[in-house]
Amino acid sequence: MNKTLTILVGLMAIATSAFGVDCTVASPTGIADQTTLNVKDYGATGDGTTNDRPCIQAAIDDADDAGHAVHFPPGVYLIDVDSAHS
């Protein structure tokens, strides 16, 4: 059975995923210049159908390394938990 977790978010570095999803930072400014990292800058779509897990994880990893927060713009973020074990 394929397990998924859907996150509904209201208001609230460079990495390439091992899952074949490009999660390259799209923001023109450097990570050091930001205090909040936007998951959409990492390629997350928030459309409810795309597995956003690798891009969200890349944003979380960079934020953790730099001591920053992660911002989720309004959307439905699908996280395929089975991809964590692939």
N, C-alpha and C. Protein backbone atom coordinates (compact mmCIF):
# COMPACT_ATOMS: atom_id res chain seq x y z
N MET A 1 0.84 -1.17 0.00
CA MET A 1 0.00 0.00 0.00
C MET A 1 0.89 1.24 0.00
N ASN A 2 0.58 2.19 -0.84
CA ASN A 2 1.33 3.43 -0.91
C ASN A 2 0.76 4.41 0.11
N LYS A 3 1.56 4.79 1.08
CA LYS A 3 1.11 5.70 2.12
C LYS A 3 1.49 7.12 1.73
N THR A 4 0.58 8.04 1.90
CA THR A 4 0.90 9.44 1.65
C THR A 4 0.40 10.28 2.80
N LEU A 5 1.04 11.38 3.00
CA LEU A 5 0.66 12.35 4.00
C LEU A 5 0.42 13.66 3.28
N THR A 6 -0.74 14.24 3.44
CA THR A 6 -1.04 15.51 2.82
C THR A 6 -1.04 16.59 3.89
N ILE A 7 -0.29 17.64 3.64
CA ILE A 7 -0.21 18.75 4.56
C ILE A 7 -0.92 19.94 3.93
N LEU A 8 -1.92 20.45 4.61
CA LEU A 8 -2.61 21.64 4.16
C LEU A 8 -2.06 22.79 4.97
N VAL A 9 -1.44 23.72 4.27
CA VAL A 9 -0.80 24.83 4.94
C VAL A 9 -1.53 26.12 4.60
N GLY A 10 -1.86 26.87 5.59
CA GLY A 10 -2.48 28.18 5.39
C GLY A 10 -1.38 29.23 5.37
N LEU A 11 -1.51 30.24 6.22
CA LEU A 11 -0.48 31.27 6.27
C LEU A 11 0.65 30.83 7.17
N MET A 12 1.11 31.00 7.14
CA MET A 12 2.19 30.58 8.02
C MET A 12 3.51 31.38 7.86
N ALA A 13 22.11 27.30 -0.98
CA ALA A 13 22.02 25.86 -0.87
C ALA A 13 21.56 25.23 -2.15
N ILE A 14 21.65 24.57 -2.31
CA ILE A 14 21.37 23.85 -3.54
C ILE A 14 21.37 22.36 -3.20
N ALA A 15 20.32 21.69 -3.61
CA ALA A 15 20.19 20.26 -3.31
C ALA A 15 19.51 19.57 -4.47
N THR A 16 19.99 18.43 -4.84
CA THR A 16 19.32 17.60 -5.82
C THR A 16 18.93 16.31 -5.13
N SER A 17 17.68 15.97 -5.21
CA SER A 17 17.14 14.84 -4.48
C SER A 17 17.62 13.50 -5.03
N ALA A 18 17.73 12.54 -4.14
CA ALA A 18 18.05 11.17 -4.54
C ALA A 18 16.84 10.50 -5.17
N PHE A 19 15.68 11.18 -5.13
CA PHE A 19 14.45 10.61 -5.69
C PHE A 19 14.21 11.09 -7.11
N GLY A 20 15.19 11.74 -7.74
CA GLY A 20 15.05 12.17 -9.12
C GLY A 20 14.28 13.46 -9.30
N VAL A 21 14.05 14.20 -8.24
CA VAL A 21 13.34 15.47 -8.32
C VAL A 21 14.36 16.56 -8.12
N ASP A 22 14.37 17.55 -9.02
CA ASP A 22 15.31 18.65 -8.91
C ASP A 22 14.80 19.63 -7.86
N CYS A 23 15.53 19.79 -6.78
CA CYS A 23 15.15 20.69 -5.70
C CYS A 23 16.16 21.82 -5.57
N THR A 24 16.63 22.32 -6.72
CA THR A 24 17.60 23.40 -6.74
C THR A 24 16.93 24.69 -6.29
N VAL A 25 17.60 25.44 -5.47
CA VAL A 25 17.06 26.70 -4.98
C VAL A 25 16.86 27.65 -6.15
N ALA A 26 15.63 28.17 -6.29
CA ALA A 26 15.30 29.08 -7.37
C ALA A 26 15.47 30.54 -6.98
N SER A 27 15.71 30.80 -5.71
CA SER A 27 15.83 32.17 -5.23
C SER A 27 17.12 32.81 -5.72
N PRO A 28 17.06 34.05 -6.19
CA PRO A 28 18.27 34.71 -6.68
C PRO A 28 19.24 35.11 -5.59
N THR A 29 18.79 35.20 -4.33
CA THR A 29 19.68 35.59 -3.24
C THR A 29 20.24 34.35 -2.57
N GLY A 30 21.36 34.51 -1.93
CA GLY A 30 21.99 33.39 -1.25
C GLY A 30 21.26 33.02 0.02
N ILE A 31 21.44 31.80 0.45
CA ILE A 31 20.79 31.31 1.65
C ILE A 31 21.20 32.14 2.87
N ALA A 32 22.45 32.56 2.92
CA ALA A 32 22.93 33.33 4.07
C ALA A 32 22.22 34.68 4.19
N ASP A 33 21.66 35.19 3.09
CA ASP A 33 20.98 36.48 3.09
C ASP A 33 19.52 36.37 3.52
N GLN A 34 19.03 35.17 3.78
CA GLN A 34 17.62 34.97 4.10
C GLN A 34 17.47 34.50 5.55
N THR A 35 16.33 34.87 6.14
CA THR A 35 16.04 34.35 7.47
C THR A 35 14.95 33.29 7.41
N THR A 36 14.22 33.25 6.30
CA THR A 36 13.16 32.27 6.08
C THR A 36 13.33 31.68 4.70
N LEU A 37 13.35 30.36 4.60
CA LEU A 37 13.48 29.69 3.32
C LEU A 37 12.10 29.21 2.87
N ASN A 38 11.72 29.56 1.65
CA ASN A 38 10.42 29.23 1.08
C ASN A 38 10.52 27.88 0.38
N VAL A 39 9.64 26.93 0.72
CA VAL A 39 9.69 25.61 0.11
C VAL A 39 9.47 25.67 -1.40
N LYS A 40 8.76 26.67 -1.88
CA LYS A 40 8.53 26.80 -3.33
C LYS A 40 9.80 27.21 -4.06
N ASP A 41 10.72 27.89 -3.36
CA ASP A 41 12.02 28.20 -3.96
C ASP A 41 12.84 26.94 -4.19
N TYR A 42 12.48 25.86 -3.51
CA TYR A 42 13.16 24.58 -3.65
C TYR A 42 12.44 23.64 -4.60
N GLY A 43 11.37 24.11 -5.21
CA GLY A 43 10.67 23.30 -6.21
C GLY A 43 9.39 22.65 -5.72
N ALA A 44 9.02 22.83 -4.46
CA ALA A 44 7.74 22.29 -3.98
C ALA A 44 6.61 23.01 -4.72
N THR A 45 5.57 22.26 -5.08
CA THR A 45 4.48 22.86 -5.85
C THR A 45 3.28 23.23 -5.00
N GLY A 46 2.99 22.45 -3.98
CA GLY A 46 1.82 22.71 -3.16
C GLY A 46 0.51 22.52 -3.90
N ASP A 47 0.54 21.66 -4.95
CA ASP A 47 -0.65 21.46 -5.77
C ASP A 47 -1.49 20.26 -5.34
N GLY A 48 -1.04 19.53 -4.34
CA GLY A 48 -1.79 18.39 -3.84
C GLY A 48 -1.63 17.11 -4.63
N THR A 49 -0.92 17.14 -5.74
CA THR A 49 -0.72 15.92 -6.54
C THR A 49 0.76 15.57 -6.71
N THR A 50 1.63 16.53 -6.63
CA THR A 50 3.06 16.31 -6.78
C THR A 50 3.67 15.94 -5.43
N ASN A 51 4.55 14.93 -5.42
CA ASN A 51 5.24 14.57 -4.19
C ASN A 51 6.27 15.67 -3.88
N ASP A 52 5.96 16.49 -2.91
CA ASP A 52 6.83 17.61 -2.54
C ASP A 52 7.87 17.25 -1.49
N ARG A 53 7.86 16.01 -1.04
CA ARG A 53 8.74 15.59 0.05
C ARG A 53 10.21 15.92 -0.17
N PRO A 54 10.81 15.58 -1.31
CA PRO A 54 12.25 15.84 -1.46
C PRO A 54 12.59 17.33 -1.41
N CYS A 55 11.73 18.15 -1.98
CA CYS A 55 12.00 19.59 -2.00
C CYS A 55 11.79 20.21 -0.63
N ILE A 56 10.78 19.76 0.08
CA ILE A 56 10.55 20.23 1.45
C ILE A 56 11.71 19.81 2.34
N GLN A 57 12.18 18.58 2.19
CA GLN A 57 13.30 18.10 3.00
C GLN A 57 14.56 18.90 2.71
N ALA A 58 14.79 19.26 1.44
CA ALA A 58 15.97 20.07 1.09
C ALA A 58 15.89 21.44 1.77
N ALA A 59 14.71 22.04 1.78
CA ALA A 59 14.54 23.34 2.44
C ALA A 59 14.76 23.21 3.95
N ILE A 60 14.22 22.15 4.54
CA ILE A 60 14.39 21.93 5.98
C ILE A 60 15.87 21.71 6.31
N ASP A 61 16.56 20.92 5.50
CA ASP A 61 17.97 20.66 5.75
C ASP A 61 18.79 21.95 5.69
N ASP A 62 18.55 22.78 4.65
CA ASP A 62 19.29 24.03 4.52
C ASP A 62 18.95 24.99 5.67
N ALA A 63 17.68 25.04 6.03
CA ALA A 63 17.27 25.92 7.13
C ALA A 63 17.91 25.48 8.44
N ASP A 64 17.95 24.18 8.66
CA ASP A 64 18.57 23.65 9.87
C ASP A 64 20.05 24.00 9.92
N ASP A 65 20.74 23.82 8.79
CA ASP A 65 22.17 24.12 8.72
C ASP A 65 22.46 25.60 8.98
N ALA A 66 21.56 26.49 8.52
CA ALA A 66 21.79 27.92 8.62
C ALA A 66 21.06 28.57 9.79
N GLY A 67 20.25 27.80 10.52
CA GLY A 67 19.51 28.35 11.64
C GLY A 67 18.33 29.22 11.21
N HIS A 68 17.75 28.92 10.05
CA HIS A 68 16.63 29.70 9.52
C HIS A 68 15.32 28.95 9.71
N ALA A 69 14.22 29.64 9.42
CA ALA A 69 12.89 29.05 9.45
C ALA A 69 12.50 28.63 8.03
N VAL A 70 11.49 27.77 7.94
CA VAL A 70 10.97 27.32 6.64
C VAL A 70 9.55 27.86 6.50
N HIS A 71 9.28 28.46 5.35
CA HIS A 71 7.95 29.03 5.07
C HIS A 71 7.22 28.15 4.05
N PHE A 72 5.95 27.83 4.36
CA PHE A 72 5.07 27.11 3.45
C PHE A 72 3.98 28.07 3.00
N PRO A 73 4.03 28.55 1.76
CA PRO A 73 2.93 29.38 1.26
C PRO A 73 1.64 28.55 1.22
N PRO A 74 0.48 29.20 1.15
CA PRO A 74 -0.77 28.45 1.09
C PRO A 74 -0.74 27.38 -0.01
N GLY A 75 -1.24 26.21 0.29
CA GLY A 75 -1.28 25.12 -0.68
C GLY A 75 -1.50 23.80 0.01
N VAL A 76 -1.55 22.76 -0.78
CA VAL A 76 -1.66 21.39 -0.27
C VAL A 76 -0.38 20.68 -0.68
N TYR A 77 0.42 20.31 0.32
CA TYR A 77 1.72 19.69 0.09
C TYR A 77 1.62 18.19 0.30
N LEU A 78 1.85 17.43 -0.75
CA LEU A 78 1.79 15.98 -0.69
C LEU A 78 3.18 15.45 -0.36
N ILE A 79 3.22 14.59 0.67
CA ILE A 79 4.48 13.97 1.07
C ILE A 79 4.29 12.47 1.00
N ASP A 80 4.99 11.83 0.07
CA ASP A 80 4.94 10.38 -0.09
C ASP A 80 5.90 9.79 0.92
N VAL A 81 5.37 9.25 2.02
CA VAL A 81 6.22 8.73 3.08
C VAL A 81 6.98 7.47 2.64
N ASP A 82 6.47 6.76 1.64
CA ASP A 82 7.18 5.59 1.15
C ASP A 82 8.47 5.97 0.45
N SER A 83 8.55 7.18 -0.11
CA SER A 83 9.77 7.60 -0.80
C SER A 83 10.92 7.79 0.19
N ALA A 84 10.62 7.93 1.46
CA ALA A 84 11.66 8.07 2.48
C ALA A 84 12.41 6.76 2.69
N HIS A 85 11.79 5.67 2.30
CA HIS A 85 12.38 4.33 2.52
C HIS A 85 12.89 3.70 1.23
N SER A 86 12.88 4.45 0.15
CA SER A 86 13.31 3.91 -1.14
C SER A 86 14.81 3.90 -1.26
